[in-house]
């Protein structure tokens, strides 16, 4: 983000800005979800979740960055630079590879197997549609949780006082997802730390969006649930022979220990591959 010249801002001022951001986001999220649900109904819950979060993120960020910084959405780490495609592409590839490693490895050693799911037609068009929706969902969550409020807190309070608390909120935001358990929330908090750290390394949102998108894209390709949501793409589902502690149960791999391990691995990969960028 390219902020306006800094002015003294006390804790009340910070709280008011962050509070307005989340009030606008909360109202927009619920209103857009309600409207979309009225149109699409329960079968469209996957699309509703993604588009409502994207809408809430765009509105909350656009209003607050305009009011307080006289800026635009592009100022929140969304400006397209020479490194944007690299960061987004590498983030997508790294996360996709991480998911493929745990799921493909599980298939290879026999603790999981692919089973045919009847009634799934047109897998190519399903994949394209799911990819677009997942991209909107990933971008929406990143702009919402790593957008104006997050970046303001980073600037005013520092990364250590910002990344973990926001990551806890990110984890709790998934607590109502189907089959969410304690380990699923812990893993989601860890993902929040990873995504926040990715922003800190690049001072942009392209790497976090890529990581989020790549992970969410890989899971349905292997027939696994994404944060408790089942997205049928290929006509195959992943059936586990291991217990829920490893597989994540109905929540999907994000609720299991395999994801706990891979998030740590991804953290060190990001640290190694992306030298920290100085503020511009």
C-alpha atoms as a PDB file:
ATOM      1  CA  UNK A   1       0.000   0.000   0.000  1.00  0.00           C
ATOM      2  CA  UNK A   2       1.238   3.557  -0.750  1.00  0.00           C
ATOM      3  CA  UNK A   3      -0.069   5.525   2.214  1.00  0.00           C
ATOM      4  CA  UNK A   4      -0.634   9.247   2.521  1.00  0.00           C
ATOM      5  CA  UNK A   5       1.894  11.076   4.714  1.00  0.00           C
ATOM      6  CA  UNK A   6       1.578   9.714   8.225  1.00  0.00           C
ATOM      7  CA  UNK A   7      -0.107  11.864  10.857  1.00  0.00           C
ATOM      8  CA  UNK A   8      -0.271  11.191  14.596  1.00  0.00           C
ATOM      9  CA  UNK A   9      -3.092   8.732  15.248  1.00  0.00           C
ATOM     10  CA  UNK A  10      -4.018   7.543  18.719  1.00  0.00           C
ATOM     11  CA  UNK A  11      -5.466   4.165  19.600  1.00  0.00           C
ATOM     12  CA  UNK A  12      -9.015   5.536  19.472  1.00  0.00           C
ATOM     13  CA  UNK A  13      -8.446   6.813  15.951  1.00  0.00           C
ATOM     14  CA  UNK A  14      -7.087   3.437  14.870  1.00  0.00           C
ATOM     15  CA  UNK A  15     -10.024   1.642  16.503  1.00  0.00           C
ATOM     16  CA  UNK A  16     -12.537   3.912  14.765  1.00  0.00           C
ATOM     17  CA  UNK A  17     -10.997   3.273  11.342  1.00  0.00           C
ATOM     18  CA  UNK A  18     -10.774  -0.476  11.857  1.00  0.00           C
ATOM     19  CA  UNK A  19     -14.270  -0.525  13.326  1.00  0.00           C
ATOM     20  CA  UNK A  20     -15.762   1.320  10.361  1.00  0.00           C
ATOM     21  CA  UNK A  21     -13.989  -1.055   8.000  1.00  0.00           C
ATOM     22  CA  UNK A  22     -15.466  -4.143   9.650  1.00  0.00           C
ATOM     23  CA  UNK A  23     -18.935  -2.620  10.067  1.00  0.00           C
ATOM     24  CA  UNK A  24     -19.083  -1.848   6.346  1.00  0.00           C
ATOM     25  CA  UNK A  25     -17.682  -5.282   5.519  1.00  0.00           C
ATOM     26  CA  UNK A  26     -20.113  -7.090   7.828  1.00  0.00           C
ATOM     27  CA  UNK A  27     -23.169  -5.244   6.516  1.00  0.00           C
ATOM     28  CA  UNK A  28     -22.149  -5.713   2.886  1.00  0.00           C
ATOM     29  CA  UNK A  29     -21.312  -9.389   3.408  1.00  0.00           C
ATOM     30  CA  UNK A  30     -24.653 -10.202   4.991  1.00  0.00           C
ATOM     31  CA  UNK A  31     -26.698  -8.077   2.607  1.00  0.00           C
ATOM     32  CA  UNK A  32     -25.038  -9.458  -0.522  1.00  0.00           C
ATOM     33  CA  UNK A  33     -25.242 -13.029   0.781  1.00  0.00           C
ATOM     34  CA  UNK A  34     -28.953 -12.574   1.560  1.00  0.00           C
ATOM     35  CA  UNK A  35     -29.667 -11.180  -1.896  1.00  0.00           C
ATOM     36  CA  UNK A  36     -27.687 -13.899  -3.668  1.00  0.00           C
ATOM     37  CA  UNK A  37     -29.284 -16.622  -1.565  1.00  0.00           C
ATOM     38  CA  UNK A  38     -32.686 -15.349  -2.611  1.00  0.00           C
ATOM     39  CA  UNK A  39     -31.659 -15.819  -6.238  1.00  0.00           C
ATOM     40  CA  UNK A  40     -29.529 -18.990  -6.120  1.00  0.00           C
ATOM     41  CA  UNK A  41     -30.818 -20.771  -3.024  1.00  0.00           C
ATOM     42  CA  UNK A  42     -29.002 -23.492  -1.084  1.00  0.00           C
ATOM     43  CA  UNK A  43     -27.465 -25.178  -4.199  1.00  0.00           C
ATOM     44  CA  UNK A  44     -25.559 -21.967  -4.899  1.00  0.00           C
ATOM     45  CA  UNK A  45     -23.913 -21.724  -1.473  1.00  0.00           C
ATOM     46  CA  UNK A  46     -20.418 -22.191  -2.983  1.00  0.00           C
ATOM     47  CA  UNK A  47     -20.896 -19.275  -5.374  1.00  0.00           C
ATOM     48  CA  UNK A  48     -22.660 -17.163  -2.734  1.00  0.00           C
ATOM     49  CA  UNK A  49     -19.811 -17.611  -0.250  1.00  0.00           C
ATOM     50  CA  UNK A  50     -17.165 -16.558  -2.768  1.00  0.00           C
ATOM     51  CA  UNK A  51     -18.965 -13.617  -4.354  1.00  0.00           C
ATOM     52  CA  UNK A  52     -20.353 -12.236  -1.094  1.00  0.00           C
ATOM     53  CA  UNK A  53     -16.907 -12.142   0.491  1.00  0.00           C
ATOM     54  CA  UNK A  54     -15.450 -10.501  -2.613  1.00  0.00           C
ATOM     55  CA  UNK A  55     -18.208  -7.886  -2.674  1.00  0.00           C
ATOM     56  CA  UNK A  56     -17.805  -7.120   1.034  1.00  0.00           C
ATOM     57  CA  UNK A  57     -14.040  -6.816   0.693  1.00  0.00           C
ATOM     58  CA  UNK A  58     -14.217  -4.528  -2.331  1.00  0.00           C
ATOM     59  CA  UNK A  59     -16.818  -2.210  -0.795  1.00  0.00           C
ATOM     60  CA  UNK A  60     -15.231  -1.991   2.679  1.00  0.00           C
ATOM     61  CA  UNK A  61     -11.763  -1.342   1.309  1.00  0.00           C
ATOM     62  CA  UNK A  62     -12.837   1.090  -1.401  1.00  0.00           C
ATOM     63  CA  UNK A  63     -14.792   3.245   1.065  1.00  0.00           C
ATOM     64  CA  UNK A  64     -12.276   3.308   3.910  1.00  0.00           C
ATOM     65  CA  UNK A  65      -9.177   3.846   1.786  1.00  0.00           C
ATOM     66  CA  UNK A  66     -10.982   6.684   0.010  1.00  0.00           C
ATOM     67  CA  UNK A  67     -12.166   8.338   3.232  1.00  0.00           C
ATOM     68  CA  UNK A  68      -8.951   8.073   5.224  1.00  0.00           C
ATOM     69  CA  UNK A  69      -6.166   7.936   2.622  1.00  0.00           C
ATOM     70  CA  UNK A  70      -7.755   9.631  -0.403  1.00  0.00           C
ATOM     71  CA  UNK A  71      -6.654   6.495  -2.211  1.00  0.00           C
ATOM     72  CA  UNK A  72      -7.972   3.705  -4.385  1.00  0.00           C
ATOM     73  CA  UNK A  73      -8.208  -0.070  -4.149  1.00  0.00           C
ATOM     74  CA  UNK A  74      -5.003  -0.373  -6.139  1.00  0.00           C
ATOM     75  CA  UNK A  75      -3.161   1.369  -3.297  1.00  0.00           C
ATOM     76  CA  UNK A  76      -3.846  -1.611  -1.024  1.00  0.00           C
ATOM     77  CA  UNK A  77      -1.184  -3.814  -2.594  1.00  0.00           C
ATOM     78  CA  UNK A  78      -3.304  -4.435  -5.685  1.00  0.00           C
ATOM     79  CA  UNK A  79      -1.456  -2.230  -8.166  1.00  0.00           C
ATOM     80  CA  UNK A  80      -0.247  -4.244 -11.169  1.00  0.00           C
ATOM     81  CA  UNK A  81       3.559  -4.056 -11.273  1.00  0.00           C
ATOM     82  CA  UNK A  82       6.307  -6.013 -13.014  1.00  0.00           C
ATOM     83  CA  UNK A  83       6.417  -8.402 -10.058  1.00  0.00           C
ATOM     84  CA  UNK A  84       2.677  -8.952  -9.640  1.00  0.00           C
ATOM     85  CA  UNK A  85       2.350 -11.830 -12.113  1.00  0.00           C
ATOM     86  CA  UNK A  86       5.433 -13.509 -10.673  1.00  0.00           C
ATOM     87  CA  UNK A  87       4.125 -13.249  -7.114  1.00  0.00           C
ATOM     88  CA  UNK A  88       0.639 -14.453  -8.019  1.00  0.00           C
ATOM     89  CA  UNK A  89       1.939 -17.262 -10.236  1.00  0.00           C
ATOM     90  CA  UNK A  90       4.545 -18.474  -7.767  1.00  0.00           C
ATOM     91  CA  UNK A  91       2.068 -18.307  -4.901  1.00  0.00           C
ATOM     92  CA  UNK A  92      -0.454 -20.340  -6.868  1.00  0.00           C
ATOM     93  CA  UNK A  93       2.157 -22.887  -7.889  1.00  0.00           C
ATOM     94  CA  UNK A  94       3.719 -23.252  -4.435  1.00  0.00           C
ATOM     95  CA  UNK A  95       0.394 -23.794  -2.672  1.00  0.00           C
ATOM     96  CA  UNK A  96      -0.882 -26.120  -5.399  1.00  0.00           C
ATOM     97  CA  UNK A  97       2.310 -28.166  -5.099  1.00  0.00           C
ATOM     98  CA  UNK A  98       1.962 -28.293  -1.316  1.00  0.00           C
ATOM     99  CA  UNK A  99      -1.589 -29.640  -1.554  1.00  0.00           C
ATOM    100  CA  UNK A 100      -0.614 -32.070  -4.300  1.00  0.00           C
ATOM    101  CA  UNK A 101       2.253 -33.312  -2.157  1.00  0.00           C
ATOM    102  CA  UNK A 102       0.083 -34.315   0.797  1.00  0.00           C
ATOM    103  CA  UNK A 103      -2.831 -35.616  -1.280  1.00  0.00           C
ATOM    104  CA  UNK A 104      -0.779 -37.322  -3.971  1.00  0.00           C
ATOM    105  CA  UNK A 105       1.511 -38.744  -1.307  1.00  0.00           C
ATOM    106  CA  UNK A 106      -1.474 -40.111   0.594  1.00  0.00           C
ATOM    107  CA  UNK A 107      -2.716 -41.799  -2.567  1.00  0.00           C
ATOM    108  CA  UNK A 108       0.742 -43.202  -3.286  1.00  0.00           C
ATOM    109  CA  UNK A 109       1.159 -44.819   0.137  1.00  0.00           C
ATOM    110  CA  UNK A 110      -2.416 -46.137   0.159  1.00  0.00           C
ATOM    111  CA  UNK A 111      -3.946 -44.151   3.017  1.00  0.00           C
ATOM    112  CA  UNK A 112      -6.374 -42.574   0.537  1.00  0.00           C
ATOM    113  CA  UNK A 113      -7.983 -43.613  -2.725  1.00  0.00           C
ATOM    114  CA  UNK A 114      -9.995 -42.007  -5.501  1.00  0.00           C
ATOM    115  CA  UNK A 115     -13.583 -43.164  -5.942  1.00  0.00           C
ATOM    116  CA  UNK A 116     -15.987 -42.403  -8.773  1.00  0.00           C
ATOM    117  CA  UNK A 117     -18.801 -39.997  -7.924  1.00  0.00           C
ATOM    118  CA  UNK A 118     -21.864 -40.626 -10.121  1.00  0.00           C
ATOM    119  CA  UNK A 119     -23.787 -37.841 -11.803  1.00  0.00           C
ATOM    120  CA  UNK A 120     -20.887 -35.460 -12.428  1.00  0.00           C
ATOM    121  CA  UNK A 121     -20.897 -34.303 -16.039  1.00  0.00           C
ATOM    122  CA  UNK A 122     -18.861 -31.850 -18.129  1.00  0.00           C
ATOM    123  CA  UNK A 123     -15.720 -31.876 -15.946  1.00  0.00           C
ATOM    124  CA  UNK A 124     -13.850 -29.317 -18.087  1.00  0.00           C
ATOM    125  CA  UNK A 125     -16.577 -26.682 -17.845  1.00  0.00           C
ATOM    126  CA  UNK A 126     -17.002 -27.492 -14.143  1.00  0.00           C
ATOM    127  CA  UNK A 127     -13.282 -26.966 -13.610  1.00  0.00           C
ATOM    128  CA  UNK A 128     -13.269 -23.618 -15.424  1.00  0.00           C
ATOM    129  CA  UNK A 129     -16.326 -22.410 -13.510  1.00  0.00           C
ATOM    130  CA  UNK A 130     -14.948 -23.587 -10.159  1.00  0.00           C
ATOM    131  CA  UNK A 131     -11.583 -21.949 -10.871  1.00  0.00           C
ATOM    132  CA  UNK A 132     -13.195 -18.562 -11.510  1.00  0.00           C
ATOM    133  CA  UNK A 133     -15.347 -18.780  -8.384  1.00  0.00           C
ATOM    134  CA  UNK A 134     -12.405 -19.926  -6.264  1.00  0.00           C
ATOM    135  CA  UNK A 135     -10.311 -17.038  -7.552  1.00  0.00           C
ATOM    136  CA  UNK A 136     -13.004 -14.547  -6.555  1.00  0.00           C
ATOM    137  CA  UNK A 137     -13.294 -16.232  -3.163  1.00  0.00           C
ATOM    138  CA  UNK A 138      -9.539 -16.202  -2.524  1.00  0.00           C
ATOM    139  CA  UNK A 139      -9.190 -12.579  -3.638  1.00  0.00           C
ATOM    140  CA  UNK A 140     -12.177 -11.559  -1.536  1.00  0.00           C
ATOM    141  CA  UNK A 141     -10.887 -13.133   1.666  1.00  0.00           C
ATOM    142  CA  UNK A 142      -7.402 -11.704   1.172  1.00  0.00           C
ATOM    143  CA  UNK A 143      -8.636  -8.193   0.432  1.00  0.00           C
ATOM    144  CA  UNK A 144     -10.946  -8.444   3.449  1.00  0.00           C
ATOM    145  CA  UNK A 145      -8.483  -9.878   5.973  1.00  0.00           C
ATOM    146  CA  UNK A 146      -5.241  -8.434   4.605  1.00  0.00           C
ATOM    147  CA  UNK A 147      -6.681  -5.184   3.213  1.00  0.00           C
ATOM    148  CA  UNK A 148      -7.017  -1.672   4.623  1.00  0.00           C
ATOM    149  CA  UNK A 149      -7.578  -2.512   8.309  1.00  0.00           C
ATOM    150  CA  UNK A 150      -4.757  -5.084   8.357  1.00  0.00           C
ATOM    151  CA  UNK A 151      -2.340  -2.754   6.586  1.00  0.00           C
ATOM    152  CA  UNK A 152      -3.236   0.165   8.848  1.00  0.00           C
ATOM    153  CA  UNK A 153      -2.505  -1.986  11.907  1.00  0.00           C
ATOM    154  CA  UNK A 154       0.771  -3.169  10.390  1.00  0.00           C
ATOM    155  CA  UNK A 155       1.855   0.430   9.887  1.00  0.00           C
ATOM    156  CA  UNK A 156       0.713   1.692  13.292  1.00  0.00           C
ATOM    157  CA  UNK A 157       1.220  -1.290  15.610  1.00  0.00           C
ATOM    158  CA  UNK A 158       3.756  -3.414  13.764  1.00  0.00           C
ATOM    159  CA  UNK A 159       3.579  -6.923  12.305  1.00  0.00           C
ATOM    160  CA  UNK A 160       3.842  -8.877  15.540  1.00  0.00           C
ATOM    161  CA  UNK A 161       0.858  -7.102  17.074  1.00  0.00           C
ATOM    162  CA  UNK A 162      -1.183  -7.475  13.895  1.00  0.00           C
ATOM    163  CA  UNK A 163      -0.631 -10.757  12.070  1.00  0.00           C
ATOM    164  CA  UNK A 164      -1.536 -13.197  14.860  1.00  0.00           C
ATOM    165  CA  UNK A 165      -4.709 -11.409  16.095  1.00  0.00           C
ATOM    166  CA  UNK A 166      -6.006 -10.989  12.535  1.00  0.00           C
ATOM    167  CA  UNK A 167      -5.126 -14.634  11.822  1.00  0.00           C
ATOM    168  CA  UNK A 168      -7.169 -15.710  14.845  1.00  0.00           C
ATOM    169  CA  UNK A 169     -10.122 -13.751  13.454  1.00  0.00           C
ATOM    170  CA  UNK A 170      -9.486 -15.424  10.088  1.00  0.00           C
ATOM    171  CA  UNK A 171      -9.638 -18.839  11.762  1.00  0.00           C
ATOM    172  CA  UNK A 172     -12.762 -18.008  13.753  1.00  0.00           C
ATOM    173  CA  UNK A 173     -14.362 -16.768  10.547  1.00  0.00           C
ATOM    174  CA  UNK A 174     -14.324 -20.391   9.361  1.00  0.00           C
ATOM    175  CA  UNK A 175     -15.693 -21.825  12.615  1.00  0.00           C
ATOM    176  CA  UNK A 176     -19.237 -22.066  11.227  1.00  0.00           C
ATOM    177  CA  UNK A 177     -18.151 -24.019   8.154  1.00  0.00           C
ATOM    178  CA  UNK A 178     -19.473 -27.600   7.966  1.00  0.00           C
ATOM    179  CA  UNK A 179     -17.523 -30.099  10.093  1.00  0.00           C
ATOM    180  CA  UNK A 180     -15.109 -27.482  11.455  1.00  0.00           C
ATOM    181  CA  UNK A 181     -13.224 -28.826  14.481  1.00  0.00           C
ATOM    182  CA  UNK A 182     -10.493 -27.491  16.753  1.00  0.00           C
ATOM    183  CA  UNK A 183      -7.613 -28.606  14.537  1.00  0.00           C
ATOM    184  CA  UNK A 184      -9.318 -27.158  11.465  1.00  0.00           C
ATOM    185  CA  UNK A 185      -9.499 -23.755  13.178  1.00  0.00           C
ATOM    186  CA  UNK A 186      -5.870 -24.010  14.339  1.00  0.00           C
ATOM    187  CA  UNK A 187      -4.759 -24.837  10.801  1.00  0.00           C
ATOM    188  CA  UNK A 188      -6.776 -21.935   9.418  1.00  0.00           C
ATOM    189  CA  UNK A 189      -5.128 -19.604  11.931  1.00  0.00           C
ATOM    190  CA  UNK A 190      -1.745 -20.926  10.772  1.00  0.00           C
ATOM    191  CA  UNK A 191      -2.772 -20.260   7.178  1.00  0.00           C
ATOM    192  CA  UNK A 192      -3.678 -16.730   8.274  1.00  0.00           C
ATOM    193  CA  UNK A 193      -0.182 -16.251   9.698  1.00  0.00           C
ATOM    194  CA  UNK A 194       1.337 -17.569   6.458  1.00  0.00           C
ATOM    195  CA  UNK A 195      -0.789 -15.252   4.316  1.00  0.00           C
ATOM    196  CA  UNK A 196      -0.102 -12.257   6.539  1.00  0.00           C
ATOM    197  CA  UNK A 197       3.614 -13.003   6.421  1.00  0.00           C
ATOM    198  CA  UNK A 198       3.402 -13.253   2.635  1.00  0.00           C
ATOM    199  CA  UNK A 199       1.983  -9.740   2.517  1.00  0.00           C
ATOM    200  CA  UNK A 200       4.757  -8.555   4.831  1.00  0.00           C
ATOM    201  CA  UNK A 201       7.429  -9.995   2.518  1.00  0.00           C
ATOM    202  CA  UNK A 202       6.063  -8.418  -0.669  1.00  0.00           C
ATOM    203  CA  UNK A 203       4.041  -5.399   0.550  1.00  0.00           C
ATOM    204  CA  UNK A 204       1.374  -6.526  -1.925  1.00  0.00           C
ATOM    205  CA  UNK A 205      -1.620  -8.877  -1.992  1.00  0.00           C
ATOM    206  CA  UNK A 206      -0.717 -10.851  -5.126  1.00  0.00           C
ATOM    207  CA  UNK A 207       1.322 -13.493  -3.298  1.00  0.00           C
ATOM    208  CA  UNK A 208      -1.317 -14.098  -0.587  1.00  0.00           C
ATOM    209  CA  UNK A 209      -4.070 -14.279  -3.231  1.00  0.00           C
ATOM    210  CA  UNK A 210      -1.998 -16.753  -5.260  1.00  0.00           C
ATOM    211  CA  UNK A 211      -1.303 -18.955  -2.235  1.00  0.00           C
ATOM    212  CA  UNK A 212      -4.958 -18.947  -1.222  1.00  0.00           C
ATOM    213  CA  UNK A 213      -6.146 -19.669  -4.761  1.00  0.00           C
ATOM    214  CA  UNK A 214      -3.592 -22.392  -5.519  1.00  0.00           C
ATOM    215  CA  UNK A 215      -4.446 -24.327  -2.373  1.00  0.00           C
ATOM    216  CA  UNK A 216      -8.199 -24.043  -2.855  1.00  0.00           C
ATOM    217  CA  UNK A 217      -7.880 -25.061  -6.516  1.00  0.00           C
ATOM    218  CA  UNK A 218      -5.845 -28.192  -5.828  1.00  0.00           C
ATOM    219  CA  UNK A 219      -8.174 -29.739  -3.245  1.00  0.00           C
ATOM    220  CA  UNK A 220     -11.271 -30.239  -5.460  1.00  0.00           C
ATOM    221  CA  UNK A 221      -9.083 -31.569  -8.284  1.00  0.00           C
ATOM    222  CA  UNK A 222      -8.178 -34.420  -5.936  1.00  0.00           C
ATOM    223  CA  UNK A 223     -11.811 -34.774  -4.880  1.00  0.00           C
ATOM    224  CA  UNK A 224     -11.231 -33.314  -1.407  1.00  0.00           C
ATOM    225  CA  UNK A 225     -13.446 -30.871   0.471  1.00  0.00           C
ATOM    226  CA  UNK A 226     -12.384 -27.220   0.797  1.00  0.00           C
ATOM    227  CA  UNK A 227     -12.981 -25.870   4.303  1.00  0.00           C
ATOM    228  CA  UNK A 228     -15.964 -28.174   4.708  1.00  0.00           C
ATOM    229  CA  UNK A 229     -17.449 -27.434   1.279  1.00  0.00           C
ATOM    230  CA  UNK A 230     -17.685 -30.206  -1.321  1.00  0.00           C
ATOM    231  CA  UNK A 231     -16.946 -28.988  -4.847  1.00  0.00           C
ATOM    232  CA  UNK A 232     -17.387 -31.709  -7.437  1.00  0.00           C
ATOM    233  CA  UNK A 233     -15.105 -31.026 -10.405  1.00  0.00           C
ATOM    234  CA  UNK A 234     -13.621 -34.219 -11.825  1.00  0.00           C
ATOM    235  CA  UNK A 235     -16.228 -36.827 -10.963  1.00  0.00           C
ATOM    236  CA  UNK A 236     -13.896 -38.410  -8.417  1.00  0.00           C
ATOM    237  CA  UNK A 237     -13.933 -38.129  -4.647  1.00  0.00           C
ATOM    238  CA  UNK A 238     -11.103 -38.722  -2.187  1.00  0.00           C
ATOM    239  CA  UNK A 239     -11.814 -41.532   0.260  1.00  0.00           C
ATOM    240  CA  UNK A 240      -9.489 -41.774   3.253  1.00  0.00           C
ATOM    241  CA  UNK A 241      -8.372 -44.908   5.023  1.00  0.00           C
ATOM    242  CA  UNK A 242      -6.594 -42.856   7.690  1.00  0.00           C
ATOM    243  CA  UNK A 243      -8.387 -41.384  10.680  1.00  0.00           C
ATOM    244  CA  UNK A 244      -9.816 -37.870  10.890  1.00  0.00           C
ATOM    245  CA  UNK A 245      -6.731 -36.631  12.734  1.00  0.00           C
ATOM    246  CA  UNK A 246      -4.743 -37.027   9.519  1.00  0.00           C
ATOM    247  CA  UNK A 247      -7.423 -36.629   6.864  1.00  0.00           C
ATOM    248  CA  UNK A 248      -9.418 -33.798   8.422  1.00  0.00           C
ATOM    249  CA  UNK A 249     -12.656 -35.773   8.175  1.00  0.00           C
ATOM    250  CA  UNK A 250     -15.634 -33.995   6.639  1.00  0.00           C
ATOM    251  CA  UNK A 251     -13.860 -30.619   6.780  1.00  0.00           C
ATOM    252  CA  UNK A 252     -11.263 -31.817   4.295  1.00  0.00           C
ATOM    253  CA  UNK A 253      -7.456 -31.903   4.495  1.00  0.00           C
ATOM    254  CA  UNK A 254      -7.343 -28.483   6.147  1.00  0.00           C
ATOM    255  CA  UNK A 255      -8.678 -30.143   9.290  1.00  0.00           C
ATOM    256  CA  UNK A 256      -5.840 -32.683   9.552  1.00  0.00           C
ATOM    257  CA  UNK A 257      -2.241 -32.873  10.720  1.00  0.00           C
ATOM    258  CA  UNK A 258      -0.907 -33.237   7.176  1.00  0.00           C
ATOM    259  CA  UNK A 259      -1.936 -29.651   6.508  1.00  0.00           C
ATOM    260  CA  UNK A 260      -0.347 -28.528   9.782  1.00  0.00           C
ATOM    261  CA  UNK A 261       2.971 -29.872   8.524  1.00  0.00           C
ATOM    262  CA  UNK A 262       2.699 -28.467   4.999  1.00  0.00           C
ATOM    263  CA  UNK A 263       1.830 -24.949   6.227  1.00  0.00           C
ATOM    264  CA  UNK A 264       5.106 -24.890   8.169  1.00  0.00           C
ATOM    265  CA  UNK A 265       6.950 -26.047   5.045  1.00  0.00           C
ATOM    266  CA  UNK A 266       5.262 -23.330   2.967  1.00  0.00           C
ATOM    267  CA  UNK A 267       6.244 -20.709   5.521  1.00  0.00           C
ATOM    268  CA  UNK A 268       9.933 -21.512   5.114  1.00  0.00           C
ATOM    269  CA  UNK A 269       9.516 -21.646   1.331  1.00  0.00           C
ATOM    270  CA  UNK A 270       8.045 -18.130   1.303  1.00  0.00           C
ATOM    271  CA  UNK A 271      10.806 -16.892   3.590  1.00  0.00           C
ATOM    272  CA  UNK A 272      13.443 -18.304   1.260  1.00  0.00           C
ATOM    273  CA  UNK A 273      11.921 -17.367  -2.102  1.00  0.00           C
ATOM    274  CA  UNK A 274      10.696 -13.843  -1.325  1.00  0.00           C
ATOM    275  CA  UNK A 275      13.183 -11.407   0.250  1.00  0.00           C
ATOM    276  CA  UNK A 276      11.338  -8.816   2.295  1.00  0.00           C
ATOM    277  CA  UNK A 277      10.461  -5.764   0.213  1.00  0.00           C
ATOM    278  CA  UNK A 278      10.944  -2.365   1.779  1.00  0.00           C
ATOM    279  CA  UNK A 279       7.959  -0.050   1.969  1.00  0.00           C
ATOM    280  CA  UNK A 280       7.640   2.136  -1.090  1.00  0.00           C
END
